[in-house]
Protein backbone atom coordinates (compact mmCIF):
# COMPACT_ATOMS: atom_id res chain seq x y z
CA UNK A 1 58.39 -131.76 -256.63
CA UNK A 2 61.71 -131.81 -254.75
CA UNK A 3 61.41 -128.55 -252.80
CA UNK A 4 60.20 -130.39 -249.65
CA UNK A 5 63.54 -132.25 -249.70
CA UNK A 6 65.35 -128.92 -249.36
CA UNK A 7 66.10 -128.03 -252.99
CA UNK A 8 65.62 -124.54 -254.38
CA UNK A 9 63.60 -124.05 -257.55
CA UNK A 10 66.78 -123.52 -259.59
CA UNK A 11 68.44 -126.60 -258.07
CA UNK A 12 65.40 -128.75 -258.83
CA UNK A 13 65.26 -127.45 -262.41
CA UNK A 14 68.96 -128.18 -262.96
CA UNK A 15 68.81 -131.63 -261.39
CA UNK A 16 65.72 -132.68 -263.37
CA UNK A 17 67.35 -131.40 -266.55
CA UNK A 18 70.38 -133.60 -265.90
CA UNK A 19 68.26 -136.64 -265.13
CA UNK A 20 66.13 -136.25 -268.26
CA UNK A 21 68.81 -135.30 -270.80
CA UNK A 22 72.02 -136.59 -269.27
CA UNK A 23 75.27 -135.01 -268.09
CA UNK A 24 76.11 -131.52 -269.33
CA UNK A 25 78.40 -128.57 -268.87
CA UNK A 26 77.13 -125.61 -266.91
CA UNK A 27 76.59 -123.64 -270.13
CA UNK A 28 74.66 -126.51 -271.72
CA UNK A 29 72.54 -126.89 -268.58
CA UNK A 30 71.77 -123.16 -268.59
CA UNK A 31 70.52 -123.43 -272.17
CA UNK A 32 68.42 -126.51 -271.34
CA UNK A 33 66.71 -124.85 -268.38
CA UNK A 34 66.50 -121.36 -269.85
CA UNK A 35 68.16 -119.88 -266.78
CA UNK A 36 71.17 -117.51 -266.51
CA UNK A 37 74.58 -119.21 -266.29
CA UNK A 38 75.36 -117.51 -262.98
CA UNK A 39 72.16 -118.91 -261.48
CA UNK A 40 72.93 -122.43 -262.76
CA UNK A 41 76.46 -122.16 -261.36
CA UNK A 42 75.00 -121.47 -257.92
CA UNK A 43 72.45 -124.26 -258.35
CA UNK A 44 75.15 -126.78 -259.36
CA UNK A 45 77.26 -125.75 -256.37
CA UNK A 46 74.26 -126.30 -254.09
CA UNK A 47 73.52 -129.69 -255.65
CA UNK A 48 77.15 -130.69 -255.20
CA UNK A 49 77.07 -129.77 -251.49
CA UNK A 50 73.92 -131.84 -251.08
CA UNK A 51 75.49 -134.87 -252.77
CA UNK A 52 73.13 -134.84 -255.74
CA UNK A 53 75.72 -134.26 -258.52
CA UNK A 54 79.45 -134.67 -259.08
CA UNK A 55 81.82 -132.93 -261.53
CA UNK A 56 84.19 -134.50 -264.03
CA UNK A 57 87.67 -132.94 -264.34
CA UNK A 58 88.64 -130.57 -267.18
CA UNK A 59 88.65 -130.30 -270.10
CA UNK A 60 85.08 -131.63 -270.26
CA UNK A 61 83.90 -130.40 -266.84
CA UNK A 62 80.59 -132.20 -266.99
CA UNK A 63 77.97 -132.09 -264.26
CA UNK A 64 76.83 -135.67 -263.62
CA UNK A 65 73.62 -136.43 -261.67
CA UNK A 66 73.68 -138.94 -258.83
CA UNK A 67 70.79 -141.44 -259.21
CA UNK A 68 67.74 -140.00 -257.42
CA UNK A 69 67.07 -143.03 -255.20
CA UNK A 70 70.57 -142.66 -253.71
CA UNK A 71 70.72 -138.86 -253.69
CA UNK A 72 67.29 -138.18 -252.19
CA UNK A 73 67.65 -140.89 -249.55
CA UNK A 74 70.96 -139.42 -248.39
CA UNK A 75 69.45 -135.93 -248.39
CA UNK A 76 66.48 -137.05 -246.30
CA UNK A 77 68.76 -138.85 -243.84
CA UNK A 78 70.83 -135.67 -243.40
CA UNK A 79 67.67 -133.65 -242.82
CA UNK A 80 66.48 -136.17 -240.23
CA UNK A 81 69.83 -135.91 -238.46
CA UNK A 82 69.58 -132.11 -238.47
CA UNK A 83 66.00 -132.25 -237.14
CA UNK A 84 67.12 -134.62 -234.38
CA UNK A 85 69.78 -132.09 -233.38
CA UNK A 86 67.15 -129.33 -233.39
CA UNK A 87 64.87 -131.49 -231.23
CA UNK A 88 67.67 -132.12 -228.73
CA UNK A 89 68.44 -128.41 -228.62
CA UNK A 90 64.75 -127.65 -228.04
CA UNK A 91 64.61 -130.11 -225.13
CA UNK A 92 67.73 -128.54 -223.64
CA UNK A 93 66.26 -125.05 -223.99
CA UNK A 94 62.98 -126.21 -222.43
CA UNK A 95 64.87 -127.67 -219.47
CA UNK A 96 66.74 -124.41 -219.01
CA UNK A 97 63.47 -122.50 -219.20
CA UNK A 98 61.88 -124.69 -216.52
CA UNK A 99 64.92 -124.20 -214.29
CA UNK A 100 64.53 -120.43 -214.58
CA UNK A 101 60.75 -120.38 -214.03
CA UNK A 102 61.04 -119.62 -210.31
CA UNK A 103 62.98 -116.45 -211.09
CA UNK A 104 60.76 -115.19 -213.90
CA UNK A 105 58.86 -111.96 -213.56
CA UNK A 106 55.08 -111.90 -213.40
CA UNK A 107 54.87 -110.37 -216.85
CA UNK A 108 56.66 -113.40 -218.28
CA UNK A 109 54.32 -115.87 -216.57
CA UNK A 110 51.00 -114.26 -217.50
CA UNK A 111 49.98 -112.79 -220.87
CA UNK A 112 46.93 -110.58 -221.28
CA UNK A 113 45.02 -111.31 -224.50
CA UNK A 114 42.57 -108.70 -225.78
CA UNK A 115 40.10 -108.84 -228.64
CA UNK A 116 37.80 -111.66 -229.72
CA UNK A 117 40.03 -112.75 -232.60
CA UNK A 118 43.10 -112.74 -230.34
CA UNK A 119 41.30 -114.84 -227.73
CA UNK A 120 40.35 -117.39 -230.40
CA UNK A 121 43.95 -117.52 -231.66
CA UNK A 122 45.18 -117.98 -228.09
CA UNK A 123 42.74 -120.88 -227.62
CA UNK A 124 44.05 -122.52 -230.79
CA UNK A 125 47.62 -121.92 -229.58
CA UNK A 126 46.94 -123.69 -226.28
CA UNK A 127 45.57 -126.71 -228.14
CA UNK A 128 48.55 -126.81 -230.52
CA UNK A 129 50.97 -126.76 -227.56
CA UNK A 130 49.44 -129.87 -225.92
CA UNK A 131 51.50 -133.06 -226.21
CA UNK A 132 49.34 -135.48 -224.19
CA UNK A 133 46.20 -133.97 -222.60
CA UNK A 134 43.84 -131.04 -223.00
CA UNK A 135 41.69 -130.19 -219.97
CA UNK A 136 38.71 -127.92 -220.64
CA UNK A 137 35.81 -126.42 -218.70
CA UNK A 138 33.18 -125.33 -221.19
CA UNK A 139 30.41 -122.78 -220.60
CA UNK A 140 28.80 -120.01 -222.65
CA UNK A 141 29.45 -117.38 -223.99
CA UNK A 142 31.79 -118.50 -226.76
CA UNK A 143 34.43 -116.53 -228.65
CA UNK A 144 34.25 -118.84 -231.68
CA UNK A 145 31.51 -118.40 -234.27
CA UNK A 146 31.53 -122.16 -234.92
CA UNK A 147 30.54 -124.59 -232.20
CA UNK A 148 32.67 -127.45 -233.56
CA UNK A 149 36.28 -127.08 -232.40
CA UNK A 150 38.25 -127.60 -235.62
CA UNK A 151 41.63 -127.83 -233.91
CA UNK A 152 40.23 -130.48 -231.58
CA UNK A 153 38.86 -132.44 -234.53
CA UNK A 154 42.36 -132.40 -236.03
CA UNK A 155 44.18 -133.31 -232.82
CA UNK A 156 41.57 -135.44 -231.04
CA UNK A 157 43.22 -138.69 -232.12
CA UNK A 158 46.72 -137.48 -231.20
CA UNK A 159 46.03 -136.27 -227.67
CA UNK A 160 43.37 -136.86 -225.00
CA UNK A 161 40.65 -134.24 -224.55
CA UNK A 162 39.00 -134.25 -221.10
CA UNK A 163 36.10 -131.81 -221.12
CA UNK A 164 33.49 -130.77 -218.54
CA UNK A 165 30.39 -129.08 -219.98
CA UNK A 166 27.84 -127.12 -218.02
CA UNK A 167 24.14 -127.81 -218.50
CA UNK A 168 23.83 -124.35 -220.11
CA UNK A 169 26.65 -125.21 -222.53
CA UNK A 170 24.59 -128.07 -223.96
CA UNK A 171 21.24 -126.28 -223.91
CA UNK A 172 21.74 -124.95 -227.43
CA UNK A 173 21.04 -127.63 -230.10
CA UNK A 174 24.09 -126.57 -232.15
CA UNK A 175 26.35 -126.85 -229.10
CA UNK A 176 24.86 -130.24 -228.23
CA UNK A 177 25.48 -131.49 -231.78
CA UNK A 178 29.06 -130.18 -231.66
CA UNK A 179 29.68 -131.98 -228.37
CA UNK A 180 28.48 -135.17 -230.05
CA UNK A 181 31.04 -134.65 -232.82
CA UNK A 182 33.78 -134.17 -230.24
CA UNK A 183 32.83 -137.30 -228.28
CA UNK A 184 32.73 -139.35 -231.47
CA UNK A 185 36.23 -138.04 -232.18
CA UNK A 186 37.53 -139.46 -228.87
CA UNK A 187 36.72 -136.75 -226.34
CA UNK A 188 36.10 -137.91 -222.75
CA UNK A 189 33.24 -135.70 -221.59
CA UNK A 190 31.44 -134.99 -218.33
CA UNK A 191 28.55 -132.78 -217.26
CA UNK A 192 28.37 -130.40 -214.29
CA UNK A 193 25.59 -128.03 -213.16
CA UNK A 194 28.07 -125.15 -213.34
CA UNK A 195 31.80 -124.43 -213.46
CA UNK A 196 33.76 -121.73 -211.61
CA UNK A 197 35.32 -120.48 -214.85
CA UNK A 198 35.87 -121.37 -218.47
CA UNK A 199 39.29 -122.96 -218.83
CA UNK A 200 41.63 -124.66 -221.30
CA UNK A 201 44.88 -126.25 -220.10
CA UNK A 202 47.50 -127.92 -222.28
CA UNK A 203 49.25 -130.58 -220.15
CA UNK A 204 50.96 -128.52 -217.43
CA UNK A 205 52.43 -126.15 -219.99
CA UNK A 206 49.94 -123.41 -220.83
CA UNK A 207 46.44 -122.38 -219.74
CA UNK A 208 43.84 -119.93 -221.03
CA UNK A 209 41.00 -118.51 -218.95
CA UNK A 210 38.75 -115.46 -219.36
CA UNK A 211 39.07 -112.43 -217.15
CA UNK A 212 35.30 -112.48 -216.53
CA UNK A 213 32.61 -115.14 -217.11
CA UNK A 214 30.20 -112.90 -219.05
CA UNK A 215 29.79 -111.76 -222.66
CA UNK A 216 32.99 -109.77 -222.15
CA UNK A 217 34.85 -113.09 -221.73
CA UNK A 218 35.06 -113.15 -225.52
CA UNK A 219 37.14 -109.96 -225.47
CA UNK A 220 39.78 -110.50 -222.77
CA UNK A 221 41.60 -113.51 -221.34
CA UNK A 222 44.91 -114.49 -219.78
CA UNK A 223 47.48 -117.05 -220.85
CA UNK A 224 49.26 -118.65 -217.89
CA UNK A 225 52.70 -120.21 -218.27
CA UNK A 226 54.20 -122.80 -215.84
CA UNK A 227 53.94 -121.44 -212.29
CA UNK A 228 51.97 -122.04 -209.08
CA UNK A 229 48.86 -120.47 -210.66
CA UNK A 230 48.96 -123.01 -213.50
CA UNK A 231 49.25 -125.84 -210.96
CA UNK A 232 46.22 -124.41 -209.14
CA UNK A 233 44.21 -124.30 -212.38
CA UNK A 234 45.00 -127.96 -213.07
CA UNK A 235 43.87 -128.81 -209.52
CA UNK A 236 40.69 -126.77 -210.05
CA UNK A 237 39.88 -128.73 -213.19
CA UNK A 238 40.50 -132.08 -211.48
CA UNK A 239 38.19 -131.08 -208.63
CA UNK A 240 35.36 -130.20 -211.02
CA UNK A 241 36.02 -133.35 -213.06
CA UNK A 242 35.80 -135.64 -210.02
CA UNK A 243 32.24 -134.51 -209.21
CA UNK A 244 30.89 -134.27 -212.78
CA UNK A 245 28.71 -136.92 -214.39
CA UNK A 246 30.12 -138.93 -217.31
CA UNK A 247 28.66 -138.20 -220.74
CA UNK A 248 28.40 -140.64 -223.62
CA UNK A 249 26.54 -141.21 -226.86
CA UNK A 250 23.06 -142.69 -227.01
CA UNK A 251 22.00 -145.22 -229.62
CA UNK A 252 20.80 -142.28 -231.71
CA UNK A 253 24.26 -140.73 -231.54
CA UNK A 254 23.26 -137.92 -229.16
CA UNK A 255 25.20 -136.88 -226.07
CA UNK A 256 23.57 -138.20 -222.91
CA UNK A 257 24.48 -138.39 -219.22
CA UNK A 258 25.64 -141.80 -218.03
CA UNK A 259 25.37 -140.92 -214.38
CA UNK A 260 21.58 -140.73 -214.06
CA UNK A 261 19.98 -143.03 -211.48
CA UNK A 262 16.55 -144.60 -211.16
CA UNK A 263 13.77 -143.32 -208.89
CA UNK A 264 14.16 -146.47 -206.78
CA UNK A 265 17.85 -145.71 -206.26
CA UNK A 266 16.94 -142.14 -205.28
CA UNK A 267 14.54 -143.51 -202.64
CA UNK A 268 17.22 -145.91 -201.38
CA UNK A 269 19.75 -143.09 -201.09
CA UNK A 270 17.25 -140.90 -199.23
CA UNK A 271 16.58 -143.65 -196.68
CA UNK A 272 20.28 -144.41 -196.13
CA UNK A 273 21.20 -140.72 -195.81
CA UNK A 274 18.34 -140.40 -193.28
CA UNK A 275 20.18 -142.95 -191.11
CA UNK A 276 18.43 -146.24 -191.88
CA UNK A 277 20.45 -149.46 -191.92
CA UNK A 278 20.73 -151.57 -195.06
CA UNK A 279 18.23 -154.09 -193.59
CA UNK A 280 15.64 -151.42 -192.67
CA UNK A 281 15.94 -149.54 -195.97
CA UNK A 282 15.72 -152.82 -197.88
CA UNK A 283 12.63 -153.90 -195.98
CA UNK A 284 10.99 -150.55 -196.70
CA UNK A 285 11.66 -150.97 -200.45
CA UNK A 286 11.14 -154.72 -200.66
CA UNK A 287 14.85 -155.51 -201.26
CA UNK A 288 17.17 -157.99 -199.62
CA UNK A 289 20.23 -156.72 -197.77
CA UNK A 290 22.42 -158.20 -200.52
CA UNK A 291 20.52 -156.20 -203.15
CA UNK A 292 20.92 -153.01 -201.12
CA UNK A 293 24.69 -153.54 -200.83
CA UNK A 294 24.96 -154.23 -204.57
CA UNK A 295 22.94 -151.12 -205.44
CA UNK A 296 24.98 -148.94 -203.12
CA UNK A 297 28.20 -150.24 -204.70
CA UNK A 298 26.85 -149.37 -208.14
CA UNK A 299 25.92 -145.88 -206.97
CA UNK A 300 29.41 -145.37 -205.52
CA UNK A 301 30.97 -146.36 -208.85
CA UNK A 302 28.60 -144.07 -210.76
CA UNK A 303 29.39 -141.13 -208.48
CA UNK A 304 33.12 -141.87 -208.27
CA UNK A 305 32.88 -142.15 -204.47
CA UNK A 306 35.30 -144.13 -202.30
CA UNK A 307 33.04 -144.41 -199.25
CA UNK A 308 29.37 -144.16 -198.29
CA UNK A 309 30.04 -140.82 -196.64
CA UNK A 310 31.50 -139.50 -199.89
CA UNK A 311 28.56 -141.02 -201.79
CA UNK A 312 26.14 -138.94 -199.72
CA UNK A 313 28.15 -135.80 -200.49
CA UNK A 314 28.37 -136.56 -204.21
CA UNK A 315 24.67 -137.47 -204.37
CA UNK A 316 23.79 -134.06 -202.92
CA UNK A 317 26.10 -132.29 -205.41
CA UNK A 318 24.55 -134.13 -208.35
CA UNK A 319 20.97 -133.44 -207.32
CA UNK A 320 20.18 -137.08 -206.61
CA UNK A 321 18.72 -136.14 -203.23
CA UNK A 322 15.84 -133.72 -202.55
CA UNK A 323 16.83 -130.31 -201.24
CA UNK A 324 16.63 -130.05 -197.46
C-alpha cells in the first residue's frame, strides 16, 4: 500500500501496526507484526528518518505514529523535491553531452542493431525517447508481427506523430486498418508513392533506419545520435513530407487520401502546364477566368505549393499529370 511512497515492507508493516493498535515499544511492535526485533529496530529507525514516527524518552520509550495525512504528505513533498533535483541534474548532463557531441567518436554517434527482436526494441526505444514529435517513413517489410504500433497508441496523445506511408505500406488490409487506428489516435498521416528509406526520428534526439530496404531490414538497423547525419535525416523526412498527399478518415472510418483531384482539375492543369493562359484554358473548359484562378488556388493549397511553377512540379510528382 505505502511502498510507492518509499517505505520498505517492514517499515509499512510497523507503521500500520502502530496506526491500528496505537503506540508501542519496539519489542511490543515486533510481537504485533511477527517480525524479528532487529528488523523492527531498523524499520523504526527508517520511519523516524522519514518523519513518520517519533520516540518518547525513557523509561517508556514508545514509538508514536505521526498521523498519516501529515506524514505521507511530507514524504511525498520530499520525494518531489528529490525528483526535481534529479531532473535538474539530468538537464545539466544533457547540456554537457550536447556540448561534447562535436568531439565524440563515430562509434558513440552510431549504434549497429542486429536481430529482429533487437530492431523492434530499438524502435520502441526511439518512440519512448521522443518528447514532442515522432517523424516516421513507413514501408514494408516490417520487423513487428503486429501492424498496430502499441507504443504509439500509448504515446499518441502525449506527442505528435507525423507519418508518411507508401502506397505499398497500405496495400495490405491489416496495415490499412492499423493506419486507421493510428490516425484515430491523433496521427498526422500522408501518402507517398515511395520513400527513400524506412525511418523513425524522435525529435532531433535519436533516429532509427534499416541498413537495407529489403526483407533483411528486419535484421539490421542503425541508431543515430545527435550529429550532422541526424540533421540530414530530419531534412530528408521533411522533404518527403512536403510532397506527400494528406491522409484522413472517410465517413466509414477508413484511411483515404485527401489530396485527390477531379478529372476536370486534371484537364485544367494539363492545359496550364501546356502554356495556355487562364482565359484560354477557361474558354476551352467552359469556365470563367475567376473560376480558373479559384481552382488553381485550391490546387496549390492541396499540393502545398507556393507558386504556379511549384504546382506544376508537385502535380507531376503526385501523378496528377499524364506522363510525357
